[in-house]
Amino acid sequence: MKRKMTLTLVLTTSMLLSLIGFAETVQGQQRLKPIDDTGVITLDTNEMLRLTVAAGDVNGDGCEVQFRQAGYVQGGVNNGVYKLMLTSQSTSPKITLMPGEAASIDIDSYSWGVRAIVLSDNPNVRVSAMIVNKTTGNIIAILIAK
């Protein structure tokens, strides 16, 4: 009787452990997390925000990235403080970057301001943002990333 109880306990424990291992495998996908955020930037009608992400060292690992963008308009003014309202937002499809590769997106000027966020499964991606003149292609400003 004691031997039968031990065998049942061992079988039950092994089944539970295998189910736990299966659950970890199913949930093993890594979510993309915010890596960098420009905050809200006001652009002139002749300007755009260019965001570039580099996967990093050619000897490193690849990564997945996404670009999220949002547009704002002015809502009201109270003692010189402008309240902004979110009017649009979108997220690009996931892009897989191999070591040594990069991706960029141009975000056009909006009614009042734009915001860009980079999402990735690799916190070591390199992000740069710049304001570019759409007519001349000249860089007006470079935003320092983390």
C-alpha atoms as a PDB file:
ATOM      1  CA  MET A   1       0.000   0.000   0.000  1.00  0.00           C
ATOM      2  CA  LYS A   2       2.806   2.378   0.912  1.00  0.00           C
ATOM      3  CA  ARG A   3       4.605   1.540  -2.330  1.00  0.00           C
ATOM      4  CA  LYS A   4       1.458   2.220  -4.369  1.00  0.00           C
ATOM      5  CA  MET A   5       1.006   5.583  -2.630  1.00  0.00           C
ATOM      6  CA  THR A   6       4.640   6.526  -3.354  1.00  0.00           C
ATOM      7  CA  LEU A   7       4.279   5.581  -7.018  1.00  0.00           C
ATOM      8  CA  THR A   8       1.090   7.657  -7.307  1.00  0.00           C
ATOM      9  CA  LEU A   9       2.795  10.619  -5.660  1.00  0.00           C
ATOM     10  CA  VAL A  10       5.799  10.377  -7.988  1.00  0.00           C
ATOM     11  CA  LEU A  11       3.580  10.134 -11.087  1.00  0.00           C
ATOM     12  CA  THR A  12       1.421  13.070  -9.982  1.00  0.00           C
ATOM     13  CA  THR A  13       4.490  15.206  -9.254  1.00  0.00           C
ATOM     14  CA  SER A  14       6.090  14.413 -12.608  1.00  0.00           C
ATOM     15  CA  MET A  15       2.859  15.286 -14.443  1.00  0.00           C
ATOM     16  CA  LEU A  16       2.610  18.607 -12.614  1.00  0.00           C
ATOM     17  CA  LEU A  17       6.226  19.451 -13.411  1.00  0.00           C
ATOM     18  CA  SER A  18       5.720  18.657 -17.089  1.00  0.00           C
ATOM     19  CA  LEU A  19       2.633  20.895 -17.185  1.00  0.00           C
ATOM     20  CA  ILE A  20       4.570  23.731 -15.553  1.00  0.00           C
ATOM     21  CA  GLY A  21       7.338  23.305 -18.118  1.00  0.00           C
ATOM     22  CA  PHE A  22       4.760  23.410 -20.929  1.00  0.00           C
ATOM     23  CA  ALA A  23       3.178  26.577 -19.526  1.00  0.00           C
ATOM     24  CA  GLU A  24       6.576  28.308 -19.419  1.00  0.00           C
ATOM     25  CA  THR A  25       7.213  27.353 -23.052  1.00  0.00           C
ATOM     26  CA  VAL A  26       3.872  28.763 -24.167  1.00  0.00           C
ATOM     27  CA  GLN A  27       4.462  32.045 -22.323  1.00  0.00           C
ATOM     28  CA  GLY A  28       8.086  32.224 -23.463  1.00  0.00           C
ATOM     29  CA  GLN A  29       7.448  34.918 -26.074  1.00  0.00           C
ATOM     30  CA  GLN A  30       9.042  38.182 -25.087  1.00  0.00           C
ATOM     31  CA  ARG A  31       6.894  41.278 -25.283  1.00  0.00           C
ATOM     32  CA  LEU A  32       8.297  44.414 -26.778  1.00  0.00           C
ATOM     33  CA  LYS A  33       8.928  47.069 -24.159  1.00  0.00           C
ATOM     34  CA  PRO A  34       9.365  50.835 -24.516  1.00  0.00           C
ATOM     35  CA  ILE A  35      13.050  51.636 -25.009  1.00  0.00           C
ATOM     36  CA  ASP A  36      12.998  55.332 -25.861  1.00  0.00           C
ATOM     37  CA  ASP A  37      10.419  58.130 -25.982  1.00  0.00           C
ATOM     38  CA  THR A  38      10.859  61.553 -27.591  1.00  0.00           C
ATOM     39  CA  GLY A  39       8.081  63.194 -25.618  1.00  0.00           C
ATOM     40  CA  VAL A  40       5.874  65.660 -27.491  1.00  0.00           C
ATOM     41  CA  ILE A  41       7.791  67.710 -30.062  1.00  0.00           C
ATOM     42  CA  THR A  42       6.417  70.728 -31.911  1.00  0.00           C
ATOM     43  CA  LEU A  43       7.348  70.732 -35.592  1.00  0.00           C
ATOM     44  CA  ASP A  44       7.040  73.428 -38.234  1.00  0.00           C
ATOM     45  CA  THR A  45       4.982  72.552 -41.330  1.00  0.00           C
ATOM     46  CA  ASN A  46       8.223  72.124 -43.285  1.00  0.00           C
ATOM     47  CA  GLU A  47       9.762  69.704 -40.754  1.00  0.00           C
ATOM     48  CA  MET A  48       9.576  66.027 -39.922  1.00  0.00           C
ATOM     49  CA  LEU A  49      10.847  63.830 -37.114  1.00  0.00           C
ATOM     50  CA  ARG A  50      13.151  61.016 -38.216  1.00  0.00           C
ATOM     51  CA  LEU A  51      13.623  58.144 -35.760  1.00  0.00           C
ATOM     52  CA  THR A  52      16.317  55.513 -36.366  1.00  0.00           C
ATOM     53  CA  VAL A  53      16.993  52.279 -34.469  1.00  0.00           C
ATOM     54  CA  ALA A  54      20.153  50.191 -34.856  1.00  0.00           C
ATOM     55  CA  ALA A  55      20.322  46.577 -33.686  1.00  0.00           C
ATOM     56  CA  GLY A  56      23.821  47.052 -32.358  1.00  0.00           C
ATOM     57  CA  ASP A  57      27.094  45.199 -32.655  1.00  0.00           C
ATOM     58  CA  VAL A  58      27.532  42.949 -35.692  1.00  0.00           C
ATOM     59  CA  ASN A  59      28.576  40.171 -33.298  1.00  0.00           C
ATOM     60  CA  GLY A  60      25.518  40.595 -31.049  1.00  0.00           C
ATOM     61  CA  ASP A  61      22.002  39.256 -31.216  1.00  0.00           C
ATOM     62  CA  GLY A  62      19.216  40.362 -33.501  1.00  0.00           C
ATOM     63  CA  CYS A  63      16.091  42.018 -32.130  1.00  0.00           C
ATOM     64  CA  GLU A  64      12.532  43.007 -32.896  1.00  0.00           C
ATOM     65  CA  VAL A  65      11.487  46.657 -32.945  1.00  0.00           C
ATOM     66  CA  GLN A  66       8.310  48.655 -33.414  1.00  0.00           C
ATOM     67  CA  PHE A  67       7.686  52.350 -33.833  1.00  0.00           C
ATOM     68  CA  ARG A  68       4.713  53.971 -32.108  1.00  0.00           C
ATOM     69  CA  GLN A  69       3.680  57.502 -33.014  1.00  0.00           C
ATOM     70  CA  ALA A  70       1.092  59.915 -31.690  1.00  0.00           C
ATOM     71  CA  GLY A  71      -0.239  63.257 -32.903  1.00  0.00           C
ATOM     72  CA  TYR A  72      -1.516  66.085 -30.695  1.00  0.00           C
ATOM     73  CA  VAL A  73      -3.515  69.267 -31.161  1.00  0.00           C
ATOM     74  CA  GLN A  74      -3.814  72.238 -28.852  1.00  0.00           C
ATOM     75  CA  GLY A  75      -6.801  71.927 -26.533  1.00  0.00           C
ATOM     76  CA  GLY A  76      -6.802  75.124 -24.532  1.00  0.00           C
ATOM     77  CA  VAL A  77      -4.682  77.626 -22.650  1.00  0.00           C
ATOM     78  CA  ASN A  78      -4.744  78.337 -18.909  1.00  0.00           C
ATOM     79  CA  ASN A  79      -2.344  81.034 -17.644  1.00  0.00           C
ATOM     80  CA  GLY A  80       0.063  80.383 -20.492  1.00  0.00           C
ATOM     81  CA  VAL A  81      -0.010  76.578 -20.099  1.00  0.00           C
ATOM     82  CA  TYR A  82      -1.179  74.727 -23.202  1.00  0.00           C
ATOM     83  CA  LYS A  83      -3.228  71.578 -22.782  1.00  0.00           C
ATOM     84  CA  LEU A  84      -2.720  69.066 -25.599  1.00  0.00           C
ATOM     85  CA  MET A  85      -5.165  66.460 -26.815  1.00  0.00           C
ATOM     86  CA  LEU A  86      -4.218  63.158 -28.430  1.00  0.00           C
ATOM     87  CA  THR A  87      -5.803  63.005 -31.879  1.00  0.00           C
ATOM     88  CA  SER A  88      -4.144  60.027 -33.530  1.00  0.00           C
ATOM     89  CA  GLN A  89      -1.807  57.181 -32.752  1.00  0.00           C
ATOM     90  CA  SER A  90      -0.450  54.213 -34.663  1.00  0.00           C
ATOM     91  CA  THR A  91       2.054  51.412 -34.255  1.00  0.00           C
ATOM     92  CA  SER A  92       4.177  49.965 -37.039  1.00  0.00           C
ATOM     93  CA  PRO A  93       4.389  46.228 -37.643  1.00  0.00           C
ATOM     94  CA  LYS A  94       7.200  44.392 -35.842  1.00  0.00           C
ATOM     95  CA  ILE A  95      10.490  44.575 -37.706  1.00  0.00           C
ATOM     96  CA  THR A  96      13.240  42.021 -37.156  1.00  0.00           C
ATOM     97  CA  LEU A  97      16.732  43.521 -37.251  1.00  0.00           C
ATOM     98  CA  MET A  98      19.806  41.365 -37.508  1.00  0.00           C
ATOM     99  CA  PRO A  99      23.147  42.516 -36.055  1.00  0.00           C
ATOM    100  CA  GLY A 100      24.449  45.487 -38.014  1.00  0.00           C
ATOM    101  CA  GLU A 101      21.017  46.411 -39.445  1.00  0.00           C
ATOM    102  CA  ALA A 102      18.931  49.511 -38.736  1.00  0.00           C
ATOM    103  CA  ALA A 103      15.421  50.798 -39.414  1.00  0.00           C
ATOM    104  CA  SER A 104      13.976  54.294 -39.535  1.00  0.00           C
ATOM    105  CA  ILE A 105      10.648  56.063 -39.800  1.00  0.00           C
ATOM    106  CA  ASP A 106       9.776  59.620 -40.824  1.00  0.00           C
ATOM    107  CA  ILE A 107       6.940  61.251 -38.891  1.00  0.00           C
ATOM    108  CA  ASP A 108       5.433  64.238 -40.649  1.00  0.00           C
ATOM    109  CA  SER A 109       4.556  67.495 -38.906  1.00  0.00           C
ATOM    110  CA  TYR A 110       1.192  67.498 -37.224  1.00  0.00           C
ATOM    111  CA  SER A 111      -1.272  70.182 -36.167  1.00  0.00           C
ATOM    112  CA  TRP A 112       0.598  70.906 -32.946  1.00  0.00           C
ATOM    113  CA  GLY A 113       2.968  68.134 -31.895  1.00  0.00           C
ATOM    114  CA  VAL A 114       4.193  64.599 -32.411  1.00  0.00           C
ATOM    115  CA  ARG A 115       5.559  61.927 -30.108  1.00  0.00           C
ATOM    116  CA  ALA A 116       7.517  58.814 -31.048  1.00  0.00           C
ATOM    117  CA  ILE A 117       8.248  55.729 -28.974  1.00  0.00           C
ATOM    118  CA  VAL A 118      10.579  52.853 -29.841  1.00  0.00           C
ATOM    119  CA  LEU A 119       9.597  49.402 -28.571  1.00  0.00           C
ATOM    120  CA  SER A 120      11.995  46.461 -28.611  1.00  0.00           C
ATOM    121  CA  ASP A 121      12.759  43.106 -27.044  1.00  0.00           C
ATOM    122  CA  ASN A 122      16.398  44.217 -26.700  1.00  0.00           C
ATOM    123  CA  PRO A 123      17.098  47.084 -24.266  1.00  0.00           C
ATOM    124  CA  ASN A 124      20.513  47.644 -25.888  1.00  0.00           C
ATOM    125  CA  VAL A 125      19.283  48.925 -29.256  1.00  0.00           C
ATOM    126  CA  ARG A 126      20.621  52.325 -30.232  1.00  0.00           C
ATOM    127  CA  VAL A 127      18.033  55.025 -30.933  1.00  0.00           C
ATOM    128  CA  SER A 128      18.522  58.410 -32.554  1.00  0.00           C
ATOM    129  CA  ALA A 129      15.971  61.096 -33.365  1.00  0.00           C
ATOM    130  CA  MET A 130      16.396  64.204 -35.453  1.00  0.00           C
ATOM    131  CA  ILE A 131      14.275  66.999 -36.825  1.00  0.00           C
ATOM    132  CA  VAL A 132      14.795  67.284 -40.583  1.00  0.00           C
ATOM    133  CA  ASN A 133      13.824  70.046 -43.027  1.00  0.00           C
ATOM    134  CA  LYS A 134      11.585  68.309 -45.611  1.00  0.00           C
ATOM    135  CA  THR A 135      12.599  70.645 -48.457  1.00  0.00           C
ATOM    136  CA  THR A 136      16.377  70.726 -48.076  1.00  0.00           C
ATOM    137  CA  GLY A 137      16.983  67.518 -46.115  1.00  0.00           C
ATOM    138  CA  ASN A 138      19.108  69.494 -43.647  1.00  0.00           C
ATOM    139  CA  ILE A 139      19.170  68.331 -40.039  1.00  0.00           C
ATOM    140  CA  ILE A 140      17.750  71.042 -37.812  1.00  0.00           C
ATOM    141  CA  ALA A 141      18.189  69.314 -34.455  1.00  0.00           C
ATOM    142  CA  ILE A 142      19.410  66.032 -33.011  1.00  0.00           C
ATOM    143  CA  LEU A 143      17.624  64.700 -29.973  1.00  0.00           C
ATOM    144  CA  ILE A 144      19.825  62.903 -27.483  1.00  0.00           C
ATOM    145  CA  ALA A 145      18.581  59.420 -26.654  1.00  0.00           C
ATOM    146  CA  LYS A 146      19.216  57.655 -23.356  1.00  0.00           C
END
